[in-house]
Amino acid sequence: MAEVYTHLIAYLFKDEQREQSFELTDAVLPDHVAALHLLRLHFGDGENSLTMPTADSAPDEIMQQALLLGISDIRSQPAAPV
């Protein structure tokens, strides 16, 4: 079984400071992957699926989409094994 890590992400959502934790199998969480998880969290419902990056989106495209939708200043703390 793969080891699971808890990632704590601090970010701004529409200029409001927020934090979110995700349990993932990756020990390292690049900013664009964190942004993708935050986009899914805030906009992942069926009505907003057109705002989601496509599966083949480049990291900079994901970051730009997050910024356009009000997600910025993404900072991930080092992961802790669960």
PDB file of N, CA and C in Angstrom:
ATOM      1  N   MET A   1       0.844  -1.178   0.000  1.00  0.00           N
ATOM      2  CA  MET A   1       0.000   0.000   0.000  1.00  0.00           C
ATOM      3  C   MET A   1       0.894   1.247   0.000  1.00  0.00           C
ATOM      4  N   ALA A   2       0.522   2.223  -0.782  1.00  0.00           N
ATOM      5  CA  ALA A   2       1.301   3.460  -0.895  1.00  0.00           C
ATOM      6  C   ALA A   2       1.160   4.291   0.374  1.00  0.00           C
ATOM      7  N   GLU A   3       2.249   4.943   0.726  1.00  0.00           N
ATOM      8  CA  GLU A   3       2.219   5.830   1.887  1.00  0.00           C
ATOM      9  C   GLU A   3       1.394   7.074   1.545  1.00  0.00           C
ATOM     10  N   VAL A   4       0.667   7.589   2.508  1.00  0.00           N
ATOM     11  CA  VAL A   4      -0.182   8.763   2.317  1.00  0.00           C
ATOM     12  C   VAL A   4       0.417   9.927   3.100  1.00  0.00           C
ATOM     13  N   TYR A   5       0.409  11.106   2.481  1.00  0.00           N
ATOM     14  CA  TYR A   5       0.971  12.311   3.080  1.00  0.00           C
ATOM     15  C   TYR A   5      -0.112  13.377   3.198  1.00  0.00           C
ATOM     16  N   THR A   6      -0.071  14.117   4.284  1.00  0.00           N
ATOM     17  CA  THR A   6      -0.977  15.246   4.462  1.00  0.00           C
ATOM     18  C   THR A   6      -0.265  16.518   4.039  1.00  0.00           C
ATOM     19  N   HIS A   7      -0.844  17.221   3.088  1.00  0.00           N
ATOM     20  CA  HIS A   7      -0.307  18.488   2.595  1.00  0.00           C
ATOM     21  C   HIS A   7      -1.212  19.615   3.090  1.00  0.00           C
ATOM     22  N   LEU A   8      -0.632  20.595   3.758  1.00  0.00           N
ATOM     23  CA  LEU A   8      -1.374  21.773   4.194  1.00  0.00           C
ATOM     24  C   LEU A   8      -1.072  22.900   3.219  1.00  0.00           C
ATOM     25  N   ILE A   9      -2.119  23.428   2.611  1.00  0.00           N
ATOM     26  CA  ILE A   9      -1.963  24.467   1.599  1.00  0.00           C
ATOM     27  C   ILE A   9      -2.605  25.750   2.113  1.00  0.00           C
ATOM     28  N   ALA A  10      -1.818  26.812   2.137  1.00  0.00           N
ATOM     29  CA  ALA A  10      -2.322  28.153   2.458  1.00  0.00           C
ATOM     30  C   ALA A  10      -2.449  28.901   1.139  1.00  0.00           C
ATOM     31  N   TYR A  11      -3.529  29.664   0.986  1.00  0.00           N
ATOM     32  CA  TYR A  11      -3.766  30.369  -0.272  1.00  0.00           C
ATOM     33  C   TYR A  11      -4.772  31.490  -0.058  1.00  0.00           C
ATOM     34  N   LEU A  12      -4.890  32.331  -1.050  1.00  0.00           N
ATOM     35  CA  LEU A  12      -5.923  33.359  -1.057  1.00  0.00           C
ATOM     36  C   LEU A  12      -7.017  32.929  -2.026  1.00  0.00           C
ATOM     37  N   PHE A  13      -8.267  33.032  -1.579  1.00  0.00           N
ATOM     38  CA  PHE A  13      -9.409  32.790  -2.456  1.00  0.00           C
ATOM     39  C   PHE A  13     -10.234  34.064  -2.458  1.00  0.00           C
ATOM     40  N   LYS A  14     -10.219  34.742  -3.589  1.00  0.00           N
ATOM     41  CA  LYS A  14     -10.896  36.032  -3.725  1.00  0.00           C
ATOM     42  C   LYS A  14     -10.438  36.981  -2.617  1.00  0.00           C
ATOM     43  N   ASP A  15      -9.123  37.038  -2.433  1.00  0.00           N
ATOM     44  CA  ASP A  15      -8.442  37.911  -1.468  1.00  0.00           C
ATOM     45  C   ASP A  15      -8.712  37.565  -0.007  1.00  0.00           C
ATOM     46  N   GLU A  16      -9.255  36.400   0.270  1.00  0.00           N
ATOM     47  CA  GLU A  16      -9.486  35.946   1.641  1.00  0.00           C
ATOM     48  C   GLU A  16      -8.522  34.801   1.948  1.00  0.00           C
ATOM     49  N   GLN A  17      -7.778  34.924   3.053  1.00  0.00           N
ATOM     50  CA  GLN A  17      -6.821  33.887   3.441  1.00  0.00           C
ATOM     51  C   GLN A  17      -7.553  32.601   3.811  1.00  0.00           C
ATOM     52  N   ARG A  18      -7.082  31.481   3.264  1.00  0.00           N
ATOM     53  CA  ARG A  18      -7.679  30.174   3.569  1.00  0.00           C
ATOM     54  C   ARG A  18      -6.586  29.129   3.701  1.00  0.00           C
ATOM     55  N   GLU A  19      -6.945  28.012   4.315  1.00  0.00           N
ATOM     56  CA  GLU A  19      -6.073  26.847   4.398  1.00  0.00           C
ATOM     57  C   GLU A  19      -6.900  25.614   4.096  1.00  0.00           C
ATOM     58  N   GLN A  20      -6.255  24.647   3.477  1.00  0.00           N
ATOM     59  CA  GLN A  20      -6.918  23.396   3.150  1.00  0.00           C
ATOM     60  C   GLN A  20      -5.883  22.289   3.250  1.00  0.00           C
ATOM     61  N   SER A  21      -6.273  21.140   3.746  1.00  0.00           N
ATOM     62  CA  SER A  21      -5.353  20.005   3.766  1.00  0.00           C
ATOM     63  C   SER A  21      -5.867  18.927   2.819  1.00  0.00           C
ATOM     64  N   PHE A  22      -4.916  18.245   2.198  1.00  0.00           N
ATOM     65  CA  PHE A  22      -5.218  17.154   1.282  1.00  0.00           C
ATOM     66  C   PHE A  22      -4.356  15.962   1.657  1.00  0.00           C
ATOM     67  N   GLU A  23      -4.933  14.780   1.658  1.00  0.00           N
ATOM     68  CA  GLU A  23      -4.171  13.553   1.865  1.00  0.00           C
ATOM     69  C   GLU A  23      -3.927  12.929   0.501  1.00  0.00           C
ATOM     70  N   LEU A  24      -2.646  12.859   0.129  1.00  0.00           N
ATOM     71  CA  LEU A  24      -2.255  12.390  -1.198  1.00  0.00           C
ATOM     72  C   LEU A  24      -1.125  11.381  -1.077  1.00  0.00           C
ATOM     73  N   THR A  25      -0.919  10.602  -2.123  1.00  0.00           N
ATOM     74  CA  THR A  25       0.160   9.615  -2.113  1.00  0.00           C
ATOM     75  C   THR A  25       1.499  10.206  -2.531  1.00  0.00           C
ATOM     76  N   ASP A  26       1.523  11.444  -2.992  1.00  0.00           N
ATOM     77  CA  ASP A  26       2.766  12.102  -3.393  1.00  0.00           C
ATOM     78  C   ASP A  26       3.369  12.842  -2.206  1.00  0.00           C
ATOM     79  N   ALA A  27       4.676  12.646  -1.984  1.00  0.00           N
ATOM     80  CA  ALA A  27       5.362  13.325  -0.886  1.00  0.00           C
ATOM     81  C   ALA A  27       5.597  14.797  -1.197  1.00  0.00           C
ATOM     82  N   VAL A  28       5.726  15.128  -2.480  1.00  0.00           N
ATOM     83  CA  VAL A  28       5.966  16.504  -2.915  1.00  0.00           C
ATOM     84  C   VAL A  28       4.745  16.971  -3.699  1.00  0.00           C
ATOM     85  N   LEU A  29       4.311  18.190  -3.435  1.00  0.00           N
ATOM     86  CA  LEU A  29       3.134  18.742  -4.107  1.00  0.00           C
ATOM     87  C   LEU A  29       3.528  20.017  -4.849  1.00  0.00           C
ATOM     88  N   PRO A  30       3.754  19.924  -6.167  1.00  0.00           N
ATOM     89  CA  PRO A  30       4.077  21.132  -6.939  1.00  0.00           C
ATOM     90  C   PRO A  30       2.917  22.129  -6.889  1.00  0.00           C
ATOM     91  N   ASP A  31       3.239  23.406  -7.065  1.00  0.00           N
ATOM     92  CA  ASP A  31       2.218  24.458  -6.979  1.00  0.00           C
ATOM     93  C   ASP A  31       1.057  24.228  -7.938  1.00  0.00           C
ATOM     94  N   HIS A  32       1.335  23.813  -9.173  1.00  0.00           N
ATOM     95  CA  HIS A  32       0.250  23.639 -10.143  1.00  0.00           C
ATOM     96  C   HIS A  32      -0.667  22.474  -9.762  1.00  0.00           C
ATOM     97  N   VAL A  33      -0.136  21.457  -9.107  1.00  0.00           N
ATOM     98  CA  VAL A  33      -0.971  20.341  -8.652  1.00  0.00           C
ATOM     99  C   VAL A  33      -1.830  20.797  -7.472  1.00  0.00           C
ATOM    100  N   ALA A  34      -1.242  21.587  -6.579  1.00  0.00           N
ATOM    101  CA  ALA A  34      -2.027  22.165  -5.481  1.00  0.00           C
ATOM    102  C   ALA A  34      -3.145  23.036  -6.045  1.00  0.00           C
ATOM    103  N   ALA A  35      -2.823  23.838  -7.066  1.00  0.00           N
ATOM    104  CA  ALA A  35      -3.831  24.695  -7.698  1.00  0.00           C
ATOM    105  C   ALA A  35      -4.954  23.861  -8.297  1.00  0.00           C
ATOM    106  N   LEU A  36      -4.610  22.749  -8.923  1.00  0.00           N
ATOM    107  CA  LEU A  36      -5.625  21.883  -9.516  1.00  0.00           C
ATOM    108  C   LEU A  36      -6.556  21.316  -8.443  1.00  0.00           C
ATOM    109  N   HIS A  37      -5.995  20.899  -7.312  1.00  0.00           N
ATOM    110  CA  HIS A  37      -6.830  20.404  -6.211  1.00  0.00           C
ATOM    111  C   HIS A  37      -7.742  21.508  -5.675  1.00  0.00           C
ATOM    112  N   LEU A  38      -7.218  22.729  -5.580  1.00  0.00           N
ATOM    113  CA  LEU A  38      -8.038  23.847  -5.099  1.00  0.00           C
ATOM    114  C   LEU A  38      -9.125  24.211  -6.106  1.00  0.00           C
ATOM    115  N   LEU A  39      -8.813  24.150  -7.390  1.00  0.00           N
ATOM    116  CA  LEU A  39      -9.834  24.401  -8.416  1.00  0.00           C
ATOM    117  C   LEU A  39     -10.952  23.373  -8.316  1.00  0.00           C
ATOM    118  N   ARG A  40     -10.587  22.112  -8.123  1.00  0.00           N
ATOM    119  CA  ARG A  40     -11.603  21.062  -7.976  1.00  0.00           C
ATOM    120  C   ARG A  40     -12.443  21.293  -6.723  1.00  0.00           C
ATOM    121  N   LEU A  41     -11.790  21.724  -5.650  1.00  0.00           N
ATOM    122  CA  LEU A  41     -12.501  21.985  -4.399  1.00  0.00           C
ATOM    123  C   LEU A  41     -13.539  23.091  -4.574  1.00  0.00           C
ATOM    124  N   HIS A  42     -13.141  24.192  -5.199  1.00  0.00           N
ATOM    125  CA  HIS A  42     -14.014  25.360  -5.293  1.00  0.00           C
ATOM    126  C   HIS A  42     -14.931  25.358  -6.516  1.00  0.00           C
ATOM    127  N   PHE A  43     -14.519  24.707  -7.602  1.00  0.00           N
ATOM    128  CA  PHE A  43     -15.276  24.810  -8.854  1.00  0.00           C
ATOM    129  C   PHE A  43     -15.542  23.465  -9.513  1.00  0.00           C
ATOM    130  N   GLY A  44     -15.373  22.375  -8.804  1.00  0.00           N
ATOM    131  CA  GLY A  44     -15.444  21.053  -9.412  1.00  0.00           C
ATOM    132  C   GLY A  44     -16.830  20.498  -9.651  1.00  0.00           C
ATOM    133  N   ASP A  45     -17.874  21.222  -9.273  1.00  0.00           N
ATOM    134  CA  ASP A  45     -19.217  20.689  -9.506  1.00  0.00           C
ATOM    135  C   ASP A  45     -19.575  20.747 -10.986  1.00  0.00           C
ATOM    136  N   GLY A  46     -20.604  20.054 -11.374  1.00  0.00           N
ATOM    137  CA  GLY A  46     -20.996  19.947 -12.772  1.00  0.00           C
ATOM    138  C   GLY A  46     -21.296  21.263 -13.457  1.00  0.00           C
ATOM    139  N   GLU A  47     -21.863  22.223 -12.728  1.00  0.00           N
ATOM    140  CA  GLU A  47     -22.233  23.498 -13.333  1.00  0.00           C
ATOM    141  C   GLU A  47     -21.025  24.309 -13.770  1.00  0.00           C
ATOM    142  N   ASN A  48     -19.889  24.104 -13.117  1.00  0.00           N
ATOM    143  CA  ASN A  48     -18.700  24.899 -13.403  1.00  0.00           C
ATOM    144  C   ASN A  48     -17.617  24.110 -14.119  1.00  0.00           C
ATOM    145  N   SER A  49     -17.948  22.967 -14.697  1.00  0.00           N
ATOM    146  CA  SER A  49     -16.920  22.117 -15.293  1.00  0.00           C
ATOM    147  C   SER A  49     -16.178  22.800 -16.437  1.00  0.00           C
ATOM    148  N   LEU A  50     -16.776  23.787 -17.069  1.00  0.00           N
ATOM    149  CA  LEU A  50     -16.094  24.483 -18.164  1.00  0.00           C
ATOM    150  C   LEU A  50     -14.942  25.340 -17.664  1.00  0.00           C
ATOM    151  N   THR A  51     -14.920  25.663 -16.371  1.00  0.00           N
ATOM    152  CA  THR A  51     -13.829  26.473 -15.830  1.00  0.00           C
ATOM    153  C   THR A  51     -12.616  25.632 -15.460  1.00  0.00           C
ATOM    154  N   MET A  52     -12.754  24.308 -15.466  1.00  0.00           N
ATOM    155  CA  MET A  52     -11.663  23.432 -15.063  1.00  0.00           C
ATOM    156  C   MET A  52     -10.650  23.268 -16.193  1.00  0.00           C
ATOM    157  N   PRO A  53      -9.351  23.238 -15.841  1.00  0.00           N
ATOM    158  CA  PRO A  53      -8.331  22.972 -16.861  1.00  0.00           C
ATOM    159  C   PRO A  53      -8.530  21.574 -17.442  1.00  0.00           C
ATOM    160  N   THR A  54      -8.102  21.388 -18.673  1.00  0.00           N
ATOM    161  CA  THR A  54      -8.205  20.075 -19.306  1.00  0.00           C
ATOM    162  C   THR A  54      -7.093  19.169 -18.794  1.00  0.00           C
ATOM    163  N   ALA A  55      -7.216  17.881 -19.066  1.00  0.00           N
ATOM    164  CA  ALA A  55      -6.232  16.905 -18.597  1.00  0.00           C
ATOM    165  C   ALA A  55      -4.840  17.165 -19.156  1.00  0.00           C
ATOM    166  N   ASP A  56      -4.766  17.781 -20.324  1.00  0.00           N
ATOM    167  CA  ASP A  56      -3.459  18.033 -20.942  1.00  0.00           C
ATOM    168  C   ASP A  56      -2.972  19.471 -20.741  1.00  0.00           C
ATOM    169  N   SER A  57      -3.558  20.195 -19.802  1.00  0.00           N
ATOM    170  CA  SER A  57      -3.136  21.575 -19.533  1.00  0.00           C
ATOM    171  C   SER A  57      -1.722  21.602 -18.961  1.00  0.00           C
ATOM    172  N   ALA A  58      -0.949  22.568 -19.409  1.00  0.00           N
ATOM    173  CA  ALA A  58       0.407  22.766 -18.899  1.00  0.00           C
ATOM    174  C   ALA A  58       0.338  23.393 -17.502  1.00  0.00           C
ATOM    175  N   PRO A  59       1.378  23.199 -16.680  1.00  0.00           N
ATOM    176  CA  PRO A  59       1.378  23.787 -15.333  1.00  0.00           C
ATOM    177  C   PRO A  59       1.092  25.282 -15.315  1.00  0.00           C
ATOM    178  N   ASP A  60       1.669  26.033 -16.256  1.00  0.00           N
ATOM    179  CA  ASP A  60       1.418  27.483 -16.260  1.00  0.00           C
ATOM    180  C   ASP A  60      -0.022  27.810 -16.635  1.00  0.00           C
ATOM    181  N   GLU A  61      -0.667  26.970 -17.448  1.00  0.00           N
ATOM    182  CA  GLU A  61      -2.079  27.177 -17.789  1.00  0.00           C
ATOM    183  C   GLU A  61      -2.972  26.933 -16.568  1.00  0.00           C
ATOM    184  N   ILE A  62      -2.625  25.929 -15.770  1.00  0.00           N
ATOM    185  CA  ILE A  62      -3.389  25.639 -14.554  1.00  0.00           C
ATOM    186  C   ILE A  62      -3.270  26.802 -13.572  1.00  0.00           C
ATOM    187  N   MET A  63      -2.047  27.306 -13.409  1.00  0.00           N
ATOM    188  CA  MET A  63      -1.827  28.433 -12.495  1.00  0.00           C
ATOM    189  C   MET A  63      -2.569  29.680 -12.972  1.00  0.00           C
ATOM    190  N   GLN A  64      -2.579  29.919 -14.274  1.00  0.00           N
ATOM    191  CA  GLN A  64      -3.281  31.080 -14.826  1.00  0.00           C
ATOM    192  C   GLN A  64      -4.789  30.950 -14.615  1.00  0.00           C
ATOM    193  N   GLN A  65      -5.324  29.751 -14.820  1.00  0.00           N
ATOM    194  CA  GLN A  65      -6.757  29.527 -14.609  1.00  0.00           C
ATOM    195  C   GLN A  65      -7.121  29.759 -13.143  1.00  0.00           C
ATOM    196  N   ALA A  66      -6.284  29.273 -12.239  1.00  0.00           N
ATOM    197  CA  ALA A  66      -6.533  29.486 -10.811  1.00  0.00           C
ATOM    198  C   ALA A  66      -6.554  30.976 -10.490  1.00  0.00           C
ATOM    199  N   LEU A  67      -5.600  31.703 -11.026  1.00  0.00           N
ATOM    200  CA  LEU A  67      -5.531  33.147 -10.786  1.00  0.00           C
ATOM    201  C   LEU A  67      -6.770  33.858 -11.330  1.00  0.00           C
ATOM    202  N   LEU A  68      -7.208  33.475 -12.521  1.00  0.00           N
ATOM    203  CA  LEU A  68      -8.406  34.076 -13.119  1.00  0.00           C
ATOM    204  C   LEU A  68      -9.654  33.829 -12.271  1.00  0.00           C
ATOM    205  N   LEU A  69      -9.665  32.708 -11.558  1.00  0.00           N
ATOM    206  CA  LEU A  69     -10.826  32.349 -10.744  1.00  0.00           C
ATOM    207  C   LEU A  69     -10.677  32.759  -9.283  1.00  0.00           C
ATOM    208  N   GLY A  70      -9.633  33.531  -8.975  1.00  0.00           N
ATOM    209  CA  GLY A  70      -9.499  34.088  -7.639  1.00  0.00           C
ATOM    210  C   GLY A  70      -8.658  33.291  -6.665  1.00  0.00           C
ATOM    211  N   ILE A  71      -7.915  32.287  -7.147  1.00  0.00           N
ATOM    212  CA  ILE A  71      -7.039  31.499  -6.280  1.00  0.00           C
ATOM    213  C   ILE A  71      -5.610  31.959  -6.520  1.00  0.00           C
ATOM    214  N   SER A  72      -4.952  32.451  -5.463  1.00  0.00           N
ATOM    215  CA  SER A  72      -3.598  32.986  -5.623  1.00  0.00           C
ATOM    216  C   SER A  72      -2.760  32.720  -4.376  1.00  0.00           C
ATOM    217  N   ASP A  73      -1.496  33.084  -4.456  1.00  0.00           N
ATOM    218  CA  ASP A  73      -0.550  32.959  -3.332  1.00  0.00           C
ATOM    219  C   ASP A  73      -0.572  31.566  -2.708  1.00  0.00           C
ATOM    220  N   ILE A  74      -0.509  30.550  -3.548  1.00  0.00           N
ATOM    221  CA  ILE A  74      -0.563  29.163  -3.088  1.00  0.00           C
ATOM    222  C   ILE A  74       0.780  28.788  -2.468  1.00  0.00           C
ATOM    223  N   ARG A  75       0.725  28.317  -1.213  1.00  0.00           N
ATOM    224  CA  ARG A  75       1.930  27.873  -0.508  1.00  0.00           C
ATOM    225  C   ARG A  75       1.626  26.535   0.159  1.00  0.00           C
ATOM    226  N   SER A  76       2.452  25.560  -0.133  1.00  0.00           N
ATOM    227  CA  SER A  76       2.278  24.233   0.445  1.00  0.00           C
ATOM    228  C   SER A  76       3.362  23.977   1.474  1.00  0.00           C
ATOM    229  N   GLN A  77       2.966  23.539   2.655  1.00  0.00           N
ATOM    230  CA  GLN A  77       3.938  23.169   3.681  1.00  0.00           C
ATOM    231  C   GLN A  77       4.423  21.756   3.399  1.00  0.00           C
ATOM    232  N   PRO A  78       5.637  21.428   3.834  1.00  0.00           N
ATOM    233  CA  PRO A  78       6.148  20.068   3.617  1.00  0.00           C
ATOM    234  C   PRO A  78       5.156  19.029   4.135  1.00  0.00           C
ATOM    235  N   ALA A  79       5.065  17.949   3.402  1.00  0.00           N
ATOM    236  CA  ALA A  79       4.100  16.907   3.724  1.00  0.00           C
ATOM    237  C   ALA A  79       4.524  16.119   4.954  1.00  0.00           C
ATOM    238  N   ALA A  80       3.536  15.664   5.686  1.00  0.00           N
ATOM    239  CA  ALA A  80       3.760  14.798   6.837  1.00  0.00           C
ATOM    240  C   ALA A  80       3.095  13.454   6.558  1.00  0.00           C
ATOM    241  N   PRO A  81       3.816  12.352   6.748  1.00  0.00           N
ATOM    242  CA  PRO A  81       3.174  11.049   6.542  1.00  0.00           C
ATOM    243  C   PRO A  81       1.999  10.872   7.493  1.00  0.00           C
ATOM    244  N   VAL A  82       0.957  10.229   6.998  1.00  0.00           N
ATOM    245  CA  VAL A  82      -0.240   9.980   7.814  1.00  0.00           C
ATOM    246  C   VAL A  82      -0.015   8.740   8.644  1.00  0.00           C
TER     247      VAL A  82
END
